[in-house]
């Protein structure tokens, strides 16, 4: 009992003798940058105006009220990000087996981009990462081909020794891609409040999986690689705190594959509708 009494006395004494703690300052205090260093001749570089933090709404980072992207000589190099969705028809072209047999399919792409602008915000380098899925059907009339399949340890040869060949049903490819491109903002810079028109080109590579369904057998799987090049044009407009864009993208892609146990490369020409948001 005495121990509890003395413990209570010590807690109360510590509370009475403790120093006061200061809370966070109010939001109306300006944030000054650190002092500028002296130059080679002893002169000081000009100090920028203090930035007042935003009160309510989205953060300063989202609305780009930040002073983070400057080179040592004071040039601004703004960095923006955007997410997007591309949807449209994919047309097989070329003379290989799959390109010959497949019909026009559907391609869906979702991804994100980082835009490294120049100081006037009229041009930008773009780094892109995305996932793309392309599904194409062979239709009812296709050419038999020779292929060997294994199912539960049993080997089956199609199109060998007088046996009928296999026929294609459909094809599905899912790939992870990365690319690098260039953007040009025509007539108006990227930070203009009005509607803006931009044009861009990009190239890149992809890696993923390929599944082919056969009419005589369930399916075949393979790991594939691809390269692509594309051009796009978009209109960009302000909506609330974000910049939305919509446009058209034309893409050519070449995919290396031997899923049919022979050269099964595929070329696709895709015309995609694009929607996205930049922040």
C-alpha atoms as a PDB file:
ATOM      1  CA  UNK A   1       0.000   0.000   0.000  1.00  0.00           C
ATOM      2  CA  UNK A   2       2.838   2.379   0.832  1.00  0.00           C
ATOM      3  CA  UNK A   3       4.477   1.600  -2.514  1.00  0.00           C
ATOM      4  CA  UNK A   4       1.362   2.646  -4.453  1.00  0.00           C
ATOM      5  CA  UNK A   5       1.030   5.837  -2.357  1.00  0.00           C
ATOM      6  CA  UNK A   6       4.639   6.925  -2.994  1.00  0.00           C
ATOM      7  CA  UNK A   7       4.317   6.049  -6.720  1.00  0.00           C
ATOM      8  CA  UNK A   8       1.278   8.317  -6.969  1.00  0.00           C
ATOM      9  CA  UNK A   9       3.149  11.154  -5.238  1.00  0.00           C
ATOM     10  CA  UNK A  10       6.077  10.863  -7.705  1.00  0.00           C
ATOM     11  CA  UNK A  11       3.751  10.921 -10.771  1.00  0.00           C
ATOM     12  CA  UNK A  12       1.930  14.051  -9.514  1.00  0.00           C
ATOM     13  CA  UNK A  13       5.227  15.791  -8.668  1.00  0.00           C
ATOM     14  CA  UNK A  14       6.664  15.046 -12.084  1.00  0.00           C
ATOM     15  CA  UNK A  15       3.539  16.372 -13.798  1.00  0.00           C
ATOM     16  CA  UNK A  16       3.617  19.631 -11.770  1.00  0.00           C
ATOM     17  CA  UNK A  17       7.301  20.298 -12.442  1.00  0.00           C
ATOM     18  CA  UNK A  18       7.303  19.336 -16.160  1.00  0.00           C
ATOM     19  CA  UNK A  19       7.945  21.979 -18.819  1.00  0.00           C
ATOM     20  CA  UNK A  20       5.336  23.076 -21.308  1.00  0.00           C
ATOM     21  CA  UNK A  21       5.489  21.668 -24.837  1.00  0.00           C
ATOM     22  CA  UNK A  22       4.844  23.762 -27.919  1.00  0.00           C
ATOM     23  CA  UNK A  23       2.399  22.528 -30.545  1.00  0.00           C
ATOM     24  CA  UNK A  24       2.547  22.917 -34.318  1.00  0.00           C
ATOM     25  CA  UNK A  25       2.551  26.488 -35.596  1.00  0.00           C
ATOM     26  CA  UNK A  26      -0.459  27.847 -37.434  1.00  0.00           C
ATOM     27  CA  UNK A  27      -0.856  27.336 -41.176  1.00  0.00           C
ATOM     28  CA  UNK A  28      -0.574  31.050 -41.928  1.00  0.00           C
ATOM     29  CA  UNK A  29       3.176  31.111 -41.267  1.00  0.00           C
ATOM     30  CA  UNK A  30       5.243  31.338 -44.480  1.00  0.00           C
ATOM     31  CA  UNK A  31       7.807  28.656 -45.252  1.00  0.00           C
ATOM     32  CA  UNK A  32      11.142  30.228 -46.163  1.00  0.00           C
ATOM     33  CA  UNK A  33      13.782  28.319 -48.131  1.00  0.00           C
ATOM     34  CA  UNK A  34      17.256  27.907 -46.610  1.00  0.00           C
ATOM     35  CA  UNK A  35      19.778  30.778 -47.146  1.00  0.00           C
ATOM     36  CA  UNK A  36      21.461  30.775 -50.511  1.00  0.00           C
ATOM     37  CA  UNK A  37      25.187  29.930 -50.562  1.00  0.00           C
ATOM     38  CA  UNK A  38      27.764  32.471 -51.653  1.00  0.00           C
ATOM     39  CA  UNK A  39      28.925  32.400 -55.228  1.00  0.00           C
ATOM     40  CA  UNK A  40      32.519  32.335 -56.491  1.00  0.00           C
ATOM     41  CA  UNK A  41      32.901  36.134 -56.288  1.00  0.00           C
ATOM     42  CA  UNK A  42      31.216  36.472 -52.894  1.00  0.00           C
ATOM     43  CA  UNK A  43      27.805  37.535 -54.239  1.00  0.00           C
ATOM     44  CA  UNK A  44      24.680  35.809 -53.040  1.00  0.00           C
ATOM     45  CA  UNK A  45      22.154  34.210 -55.336  1.00  0.00           C
ATOM     46  CA  UNK A  46      18.650  35.709 -55.173  1.00  0.00           C
ATOM     47  CA  UNK A  47      16.348  34.235 -52.539  1.00  0.00           C
ATOM     48  CA  UNK A  48      12.971  33.070 -53.740  1.00  0.00           C
ATOM     49  CA  UNK A  49       9.689  34.287 -52.401  1.00  0.00           C
ATOM     50  CA  UNK A  50       8.311  32.267 -49.481  1.00  0.00           C
ATOM     51  CA  UNK A  51       5.616  29.713 -50.336  1.00  0.00           C
ATOM     52  CA  UNK A  52       2.393  29.865 -48.344  1.00  0.00           C
ATOM     53  CA  UNK A  53       1.025  26.396 -47.624  1.00  0.00           C
ATOM     54  CA  UNK A  54      -2.421  25.573 -48.931  1.00  0.00           C
ATOM     55  CA  UNK A  55      -5.293  25.532 -46.460  1.00  0.00           C
ATOM     56  CA  UNK A  56      -7.738  22.700 -47.081  1.00  0.00           C
ATOM     57  CA  UNK A  57      -8.245  20.837 -50.358  1.00  0.00           C
ATOM     58  CA  UNK A  58      -5.575  18.666 -51.929  1.00  0.00           C
ATOM     59  CA  UNK A  59      -1.976  18.670 -50.781  1.00  0.00           C
ATOM     60  CA  UNK A  60       0.685  20.973 -52.214  1.00  0.00           C
ATOM     61  CA  UNK A  61       2.340  17.971 -53.891  1.00  0.00           C
ATOM     62  CA  UNK A  62      -0.793  16.985 -55.785  1.00  0.00           C
ATOM     63  CA  UNK A  63      -1.475  20.525 -57.053  1.00  0.00           C
ATOM     64  CA  UNK A  64       2.241  21.025 -57.774  1.00  0.00           C
ATOM     65  CA  UNK A  65       2.887  23.771 -55.221  1.00  0.00           C
ATOM     66  CA  UNK A  66       6.332  22.420 -54.483  1.00  0.00           C
ATOM     67  CA  UNK A  67       9.901  23.622 -54.904  1.00  0.00           C
ATOM     68  CA  UNK A  68      11.620  20.293 -55.364  1.00  0.00           C
ATOM     69  CA  UNK A  69      12.596  20.035 -58.956  1.00  0.00           C
ATOM     70  CA  UNK A  70      15.391  22.449 -59.726  1.00  0.00           C
ATOM     71  CA  UNK A  71      18.863  21.857 -60.996  1.00  0.00           C
ATOM     72  CA  UNK A  72      21.928  23.346 -59.225  1.00  0.00           C
ATOM     73  CA  UNK A  73      21.848  26.376 -61.525  1.00  0.00           C
ATOM     74  CA  UNK A  74      18.203  27.142 -60.725  1.00  0.00           C
ATOM     75  CA  UNK A  75      16.434  25.732 -63.784  1.00  0.00           C
ATOM     76  CA  UNK A  76      13.024  24.200 -63.138  1.00  0.00           C
ATOM     77  CA  UNK A  77      12.564  20.616 -64.384  1.00  0.00           C
ATOM     78  CA  UNK A  78       8.973  19.750 -63.389  1.00  0.00           C
ATOM     79  CA  UNK A  79       8.021  16.100 -62.936  1.00  0.00           C
ATOM     80  CA  UNK A  80       4.415  15.020 -63.464  1.00  0.00           C
ATOM     81  CA  UNK A  81       2.749  11.605 -63.410  1.00  0.00           C
ATOM     82  CA  UNK A  82      -0.244  10.157 -65.223  1.00  0.00           C
ATOM     83  CA  UNK A  83      -2.270   6.957 -65.355  1.00  0.00           C
ATOM     84  CA  UNK A  84      -4.072   5.783 -68.490  1.00  0.00           C
ATOM     85  CA  UNK A  85      -6.188   3.109 -70.175  1.00  0.00           C
ATOM     86  CA  UNK A  86      -5.960   2.116 -73.866  1.00  0.00           C
ATOM     87  CA  UNK A  87      -8.664   0.016 -75.567  1.00  0.00           C
ATOM     88  CA  UNK A  88      -9.115  -0.878 -79.227  1.00  0.00           C
ATOM     89  CA  UNK A  89      -8.867  -3.408 -82.074  1.00  0.00           C
ATOM     90  CA  UNK A  90      -5.668  -5.335 -82.760  1.00  0.00           C
ATOM     91  CA  UNK A  91      -5.096  -6.416 -86.376  1.00  0.00           C
ATOM     92  CA  UNK A  92      -2.637  -9.304 -87.059  1.00  0.00           C
ATOM     93  CA  UNK A  93      -0.353  -8.642 -90.043  1.00  0.00           C
ATOM     94  CA  UNK A  94       2.568 -10.532 -91.591  1.00  0.00           C
ATOM     95  CA  UNK A  95       3.044 -13.964 -93.131  1.00  0.00           C
ATOM     96  CA  UNK A  96       3.780 -16.249 -90.168  1.00  0.00           C
ATOM     97  CA  UNK A  97       1.384 -19.022 -89.105  1.00  0.00           C
ATOM     98  CA  UNK A  98      -0.303 -17.144 -86.265  1.00  0.00           C
ATOM     99  CA  UNK A  99      -0.463 -13.820 -88.093  1.00  0.00           C
ATOM    100  CA  UNK A 100      -2.041 -15.621 -91.048  1.00  0.00           C
ATOM    101  CA  UNK A 101      -4.635 -17.568 -89.082  1.00  0.00           C
ATOM    102  CA  UNK A 102      -5.702 -15.025 -86.443  1.00  0.00           C
ATOM    103  CA  UNK A 103      -8.433 -12.488 -87.082  1.00  0.00           C
ATOM    104  CA  UNK A 104      -8.836  -8.973 -85.725  1.00  0.00           C
ATOM    105  CA  UNK A 105      -8.988  -9.097 -81.929  1.00  0.00           C
ATOM    106  CA  UNK A 106      -9.097  -6.773 -78.952  1.00  0.00           C
ATOM    107  CA  UNK A 107      -6.297  -5.153 -76.971  1.00  0.00           C
ATOM    108  CA  UNK A 108      -6.499  -3.540 -73.500  1.00  0.00           C
ATOM    109  CA  UNK A 109      -3.606  -1.667 -71.842  1.00  0.00           C
ATOM    110  CA  UNK A 110      -3.357  -0.086 -68.402  1.00  0.00           C
ATOM    111  CA  UNK A 111      -0.307   1.763 -67.172  1.00  0.00           C
ATOM    112  CA  UNK A 112       1.424   4.765 -65.659  1.00  0.00           C
ATOM    113  CA  UNK A 113       3.880   7.333 -66.997  1.00  0.00           C
ATOM    114  CA  UNK A 114       6.376   9.794 -65.547  1.00  0.00           C
ATOM    115  CA  UNK A 115       6.783  13.044 -67.528  1.00  0.00           C
ATOM    116  CA  UNK A 116      10.044  15.020 -67.235  1.00  0.00           C
ATOM    117  CA  UNK A 117       9.253  18.490 -68.623  1.00  0.00           C
ATOM    118  CA  UNK A 118      11.494  21.236 -69.854  1.00  0.00           C
ATOM    119  CA  UNK A 119      11.297  24.642 -68.125  1.00  0.00           C
ATOM    120  CA  UNK A 120       8.627  26.223 -70.411  1.00  0.00           C
ATOM    121  CA  UNK A 121       6.477  23.039 -70.072  1.00  0.00           C
ATOM    122  CA  UNK A 122       6.238  22.561 -73.835  1.00  0.00           C
ATOM    123  CA  UNK A 123       8.177  19.273 -74.168  1.00  0.00           C
ATOM    124  CA  UNK A 124       8.703  16.248 -71.954  1.00  0.00           C
ATOM    125  CA  UNK A 125      10.535  12.934 -71.846  1.00  0.00           C
ATOM    126  CA  UNK A 126       8.178  10.138 -70.824  1.00  0.00           C
ATOM    127  CA  UNK A 127       8.977   6.889 -69.001  1.00  0.00           C
ATOM    128  CA  UNK A 128       6.196   4.294 -69.240  1.00  0.00           C
ATOM    129  CA  UNK A 129       5.320   1.021 -67.487  1.00  0.00           C
ATOM    130  CA  UNK A 130       2.193  -0.953 -68.376  1.00  0.00           C
ATOM    131  CA  UNK A 131       0.376  -4.294 -68.694  1.00  0.00           C
ATOM    132  CA  UNK A 132      -1.249  -5.257 -72.002  1.00  0.00           C
ATOM    133  CA  UNK A 133      -3.615  -8.096 -72.898  1.00  0.00           C
ATOM    134  CA  UNK A 134      -4.434  -9.015 -76.501  1.00  0.00           C
ATOM    135  CA  UNK A 135      -7.071 -11.607 -77.429  1.00  0.00           C
ATOM    136  CA  UNK A 136      -7.534 -12.747 -81.042  1.00  0.00           C
ATOM    137  CA  UNK A 137      -9.690 -15.523 -82.502  1.00  0.00           C
ATOM    138  CA  UNK A 138      -8.920 -17.774 -85.469  1.00  0.00           C
ATOM    139  CA  UNK A 139     -12.524 -18.102 -86.589  1.00  0.00           C
ATOM    140  CA  UNK A 140     -13.978 -21.243 -88.134  1.00  0.00           C
ATOM    141  CA  UNK A 141     -11.812 -21.653 -91.239  1.00  0.00           C
ATOM    142  CA  UNK A 142      -8.112 -22.172 -90.538  1.00  0.00           C
ATOM    143  CA  UNK A 143      -5.231 -24.254 -91.860  1.00  0.00           C
ATOM    144  CA  UNK A 144      -4.098 -27.453 -90.025  1.00  0.00           C
ATOM    145  CA  UNK A 145      -0.500 -27.546 -88.831  1.00  0.00           C
ATOM    146  CA  UNK A 146       1.811 -30.132 -87.258  1.00  0.00           C
ATOM    147  CA  UNK A 147       2.370 -29.997 -83.502  1.00  0.00           C
ATOM    148  CA  UNK A 148       3.290 -32.420 -80.696  1.00  0.00           C
ATOM    149  CA  UNK A 149       1.515 -32.176 -77.343  1.00  0.00           C
ATOM    150  CA  UNK A 150       1.949 -33.960 -74.017  1.00  0.00           C
ATOM    151  CA  UNK A 151      -1.000 -34.571 -71.700  1.00  0.00           C
ATOM    152  CA  UNK A 152      -0.666 -36.634 -68.499  1.00  0.00           C
ATOM    153  CA  UNK A 153       2.500 -38.238 -69.822  1.00  0.00           C
ATOM    154  CA  UNK A 154       0.906 -39.226 -73.136  1.00  0.00           C
ATOM    155  CA  UNK A 155       2.397 -37.887 -76.351  1.00  0.00           C
ATOM    156  CA  UNK A 156       0.139 -37.006 -79.261  1.00  0.00           C
ATOM    157  CA  UNK A 157       1.418 -36.022 -82.710  1.00  0.00           C
ATOM    158  CA  UNK A 158      -0.829 -33.928 -84.921  1.00  0.00           C
ATOM    159  CA  UNK A 159      -0.051 -33.740 -88.637  1.00  0.00           C
ATOM    160  CA  UNK A 160       2.642 -36.460 -88.450  1.00  0.00           C
ATOM    161  CA  UNK A 161       2.515 -39.907 -90.091  1.00  0.00           C
ATOM    162  CA  UNK A 162      -0.801 -39.320 -91.798  1.00  0.00           C
ATOM    163  CA  UNK A 163      -2.544 -38.028 -88.661  1.00  0.00           C
ATOM    164  CA  UNK A 164      -4.682 -34.926 -89.145  1.00  0.00           C
ATOM    165  CA  UNK A 165      -3.103 -31.647 -88.121  1.00  0.00           C
ATOM    166  CA  UNK A 166      -4.199 -29.349 -85.308  1.00  0.00           C
ATOM    167  CA  UNK A 167      -6.235 -26.219 -85.956  1.00  0.00           C
ATOM    168  CA  UNK A 168      -6.151 -22.931 -84.104  1.00  0.00           C
ATOM    169  CA  UNK A 169      -9.070 -21.681 -82.002  1.00  0.00           C
ATOM    170  CA  UNK A 170      -7.815 -18.455 -80.394  1.00  0.00           C
ATOM    171  CA  UNK A 171      -4.776 -16.704 -78.948  1.00  0.00           C
ATOM    172  CA  UNK A 172      -4.284 -14.719 -75.742  1.00  0.00           C
ATOM    173  CA  UNK A 173      -1.162 -12.746 -74.808  1.00  0.00           C
ATOM    174  CA  UNK A 174      -0.478 -10.919 -71.536  1.00  0.00           C
ATOM    175  CA  UNK A 175       2.733  -8.898 -71.237  1.00  0.00           C
ATOM    176  CA  UNK A 176       4.468  -6.432 -68.929  1.00  0.00           C
ATOM    177  CA  UNK A 177       6.026  -3.568 -70.853  1.00  0.00           C
ATOM    178  CA  UNK A 178       8.384  -0.637 -70.347  1.00  0.00           C
ATOM    179  CA  UNK A 179       9.030   2.196 -72.756  1.00  0.00           C
ATOM    180  CA  UNK A 180      10.553   5.621 -73.334  1.00  0.00           C
ATOM    181  CA  UNK A 181       9.086   8.426 -75.397  1.00  0.00           C
ATOM    182  CA  UNK A 182       8.840  12.117 -76.194  1.00  0.00           C
ATOM    183  CA  UNK A 183       5.876  14.499 -75.789  1.00  0.00           C
ATOM    184  CA  UNK A 184       5.226  17.831 -77.493  1.00  0.00           C
ATOM    185  CA  UNK A 185       2.568  20.290 -76.345  1.00  0.00           C
ATOM    186  CA  UNK A 186       1.348  22.225 -79.373  1.00  0.00           C
ATOM    187  CA  UNK A 187       0.100  25.844 -79.194  1.00  0.00           C
ATOM    188  CA  UNK A 188      -0.222  25.895 -75.374  1.00  0.00           C
ATOM    189  CA  UNK A 189       2.163  24.749 -72.584  1.00  0.00           C
ATOM    190  CA  UNK A 190       1.255  21.949 -70.204  1.00  0.00           C
ATOM    191  CA  UNK A 191       0.411  24.313 -67.316  1.00  0.00           C
ATOM    192  CA  UNK A 192      -2.108  26.378 -69.302  1.00  0.00           C
ATOM    193  CA  UNK A 193      -5.642  26.481 -67.869  1.00  0.00           C
ATOM    194  CA  UNK A 194      -7.350  25.919 -71.217  1.00  0.00           C
ATOM    195  CA  UNK A 195      -7.695  22.864 -73.411  1.00  0.00           C
ATOM    196  CA  UNK A 196      -4.314  21.618 -74.659  1.00  0.00           C
ATOM    197  CA  UNK A 197      -3.275  19.464 -77.613  1.00  0.00           C
ATOM    198  CA  UNK A 198      -0.271  17.172 -77.379  1.00  0.00           C
ATOM    199  CA  UNK A 199       1.504  14.711 -79.678  1.00  0.00           C
ATOM    200  CA  UNK A 200       3.919  11.957 -78.708  1.00  0.00           C
ATOM    201  CA  UNK A 201       5.924   8.952 -79.870  1.00  0.00           C
ATOM    202  CA  UNK A 202       7.398   6.071 -77.867  1.00  0.00           C
ATOM    203  CA  UNK A 203       9.220   2.754 -78.192  1.00  0.00           C
ATOM    204  CA  UNK A 204       9.756  -0.111 -75.779  1.00  0.00           C
ATOM    205  CA  UNK A 205       9.843  -3.805 -75.017  1.00  0.00           C
ATOM    206  CA  UNK A 206       7.567  -6.358 -73.347  1.00  0.00           C
ATOM    207  CA  UNK A 207       7.826  -9.777 -71.741  1.00  0.00           C
ATOM    208  CA  UNK A 208       5.043 -12.154 -70.739  1.00  0.00           C
ATOM    209  CA  UNK A 209       3.055 -15.297 -71.502  1.00  0.00           C
ATOM    210  CA  UNK A 210       1.172 -16.619 -74.530  1.00  0.00           C
ATOM    211  CA  UNK A 211      -1.701 -19.101 -74.537  1.00  0.00           C
ATOM    212  CA  UNK A 212      -3.067 -20.762 -77.689  1.00  0.00           C
ATOM    213  CA  UNK A 213      -6.261 -22.830 -77.614  1.00  0.00           C
ATOM    214  CA  UNK A 214      -6.586 -25.610 -80.190  1.00  0.00           C
ATOM    215  CA  UNK A 215      -9.758 -27.204 -81.494  1.00  0.00           C
ATOM    216  CA  UNK A 216      -8.308 -30.732 -81.071  1.00  0.00           C
ATOM    217  CA  UNK A 217      -6.569 -30.105 -77.723  1.00  0.00           C
ATOM    218  CA  UNK A 218      -7.018 -27.856 -74.705  1.00  0.00           C
ATOM    219  CA  UNK A 219      -4.180 -25.309 -75.019  1.00  0.00           C
ATOM    220  CA  UNK A 220      -0.451 -24.593 -75.324  1.00  0.00           C
ATOM    221  CA  UNK A 221       1.586 -22.091 -73.244  1.00  0.00           C
ATOM    222  CA  UNK A 222       4.839 -20.293 -73.908  1.00  0.00           C
ATOM    223  CA  UNK A 223       6.962 -17.379 -72.638  1.00  0.00           C
ATOM    224  CA  UNK A 224       7.264 -14.591 -75.205  1.00  0.00           C
ATOM    225  CA  UNK A 225       9.040 -11.278 -75.807  1.00  0.00           C
ATOM    226  CA  UNK A 226       7.902  -8.310 -77.832  1.00  0.00           C
ATOM    227  CA  UNK A 227       8.927  -4.862 -79.041  1.00  0.00           C
ATOM    228  CA  UNK A 228       6.690  -1.962 -80.053  1.00  0.00           C
ATOM    229  CA  UNK A 229       6.629   1.555 -81.421  1.00  0.00           C
ATOM    230  CA  UNK A 230       3.690   3.946 -81.333  1.00  0.00           C
ATOM    231  CA  UNK A 231       2.425   7.474 -81.937  1.00  0.00           C
ATOM    232  CA  UNK A 232      -0.467   9.187 -80.181  1.00  0.00           C
ATOM    233  CA  UNK A 233      -2.367  12.464 -80.106  1.00  0.00           C
ATOM    234  CA  UNK A 234      -4.482  13.681 -77.166  1.00  0.00           C
ATOM    235  CA  UNK A 235      -6.589  16.587 -75.994  1.00  0.00           C
ATOM    236  CA  UNK A 236      -5.963  17.545 -72.358  1.00  0.00           C
ATOM    237  CA  UNK A 237      -8.424  19.534 -70.244  1.00  0.00           C
ATOM    238  CA  UNK A 238      -8.750  20.614 -66.631  1.00  0.00           C
ATOM    239  CA  UNK A 239     -11.437  19.065 -64.432  1.00  0.00           C
ATOM    240  CA  UNK A 240     -11.326  19.970 -60.736  1.00  0.00           C
ATOM    241  CA  UNK A 241      -7.807  19.372 -59.412  1.00  0.00           C
ATOM    242  CA  UNK A 242      -6.786  16.927 -62.160  1.00  0.00           C
ATOM    243  CA  UNK A 243      -5.951  17.088 -65.859  1.00  0.00           C
ATOM    244  CA  UNK A 244      -7.838  14.563 -67.958  1.00  0.00           C
ATOM    245  CA  UNK A 245      -6.834  13.543 -71.469  1.00  0.00           C
ATOM    246  CA  UNK A 246      -8.472  11.596 -74.294  1.00  0.00           C
ATOM    247  CA  UNK A 247      -7.131  10.697 -77.701  1.00  0.00           C
ATOM    248  CA  UNK A 248      -6.033   8.081 -80.233  1.00  0.00           C
ATOM    249  CA  UNK A 249      -2.948   5.845 -80.254  1.00  0.00           C
ATOM    250  CA  UNK A 250      -1.611   3.849 -83.235  1.00  0.00           C
ATOM    251  CA  UNK A 251       0.820   1.051 -82.304  1.00  0.00           C
ATOM    252  CA  UNK A 252       2.841  -1.569 -84.169  1.00  0.00           C
ATOM    253  CA  UNK A 253       4.174  -4.550 -82.192  1.00  0.00           C
ATOM    254  CA  UNK A 254       6.311  -7.579 -83.086  1.00  0.00           C
ATOM    255  CA  UNK A 255       6.143 -10.649 -80.809  1.00  0.00           C
ATOM    256  CA  UNK A 256       8.692 -13.478 -80.869  1.00  0.00           C
ATOM    257  CA  UNK A 257       7.135 -16.867 -80.119  1.00  0.00           C
ATOM    258  CA  UNK A 258       7.615 -20.569 -80.886  1.00  0.00           C
ATOM    259  CA  UNK A 259       4.466 -21.762 -79.146  1.00  0.00           C
ATOM    260  CA  UNK A 260       3.551 -23.933 -82.160  1.00  0.00           C
ATOM    261  CA  UNK A 261       7.017 -25.597 -82.004  1.00  0.00           C
ATOM    262  CA  UNK A 262       7.956 -23.603 -85.076  1.00  0.00           C
ATOM    263  CA  UNK A 263       8.374 -19.930 -85.850  1.00  0.00           C
ATOM    264  CA  UNK A 264       5.142 -18.443 -84.470  1.00  0.00           C
ATOM    265  CA  UNK A 265       5.988 -14.750 -84.514  1.00  0.00           C
ATOM    266  CA  UNK A 266       3.093 -12.302 -84.584  1.00  0.00           C
ATOM    267  CA  UNK A 267       2.859  -8.726 -85.827  1.00  0.00           C
ATOM    268  CA  UNK A 268      -0.034  -6.535 -84.726  1.00  0.00           C
ATOM    269  CA  UNK A 269      -1.251  -3.125 -85.793  1.00  0.00           C
ATOM    270  CA  UNK A 270      -3.504  -1.619 -83.100  1.00  0.00           C
ATOM    271  CA  UNK A 271      -5.702   1.477 -83.143  1.00  0.00           C
ATOM    272  CA  UNK A 272      -6.492   2.361 -79.513  1.00  0.00           C
ATOM    273  CA  UNK A 273      -8.679   4.913 -77.795  1.00  0.00           C
ATOM    274  CA  UNK A 274      -6.869   6.500 -74.840  1.00  0.00           C
ATOM    275  CA  UNK A 275      -8.204   8.044 -71.627  1.00  0.00           C
ATOM    276  CA  UNK A 276      -6.221   9.082 -68.560  1.00  0.00           C
ATOM    277  CA  UNK A 277      -5.462  11.634 -65.892  1.00  0.00           C
ATOM    278  CA  UNK A 278      -2.315  13.674 -65.174  1.00  0.00           C
ATOM    279  CA  UNK A 279      -1.459  15.010 -61.723  1.00  0.00           C
END
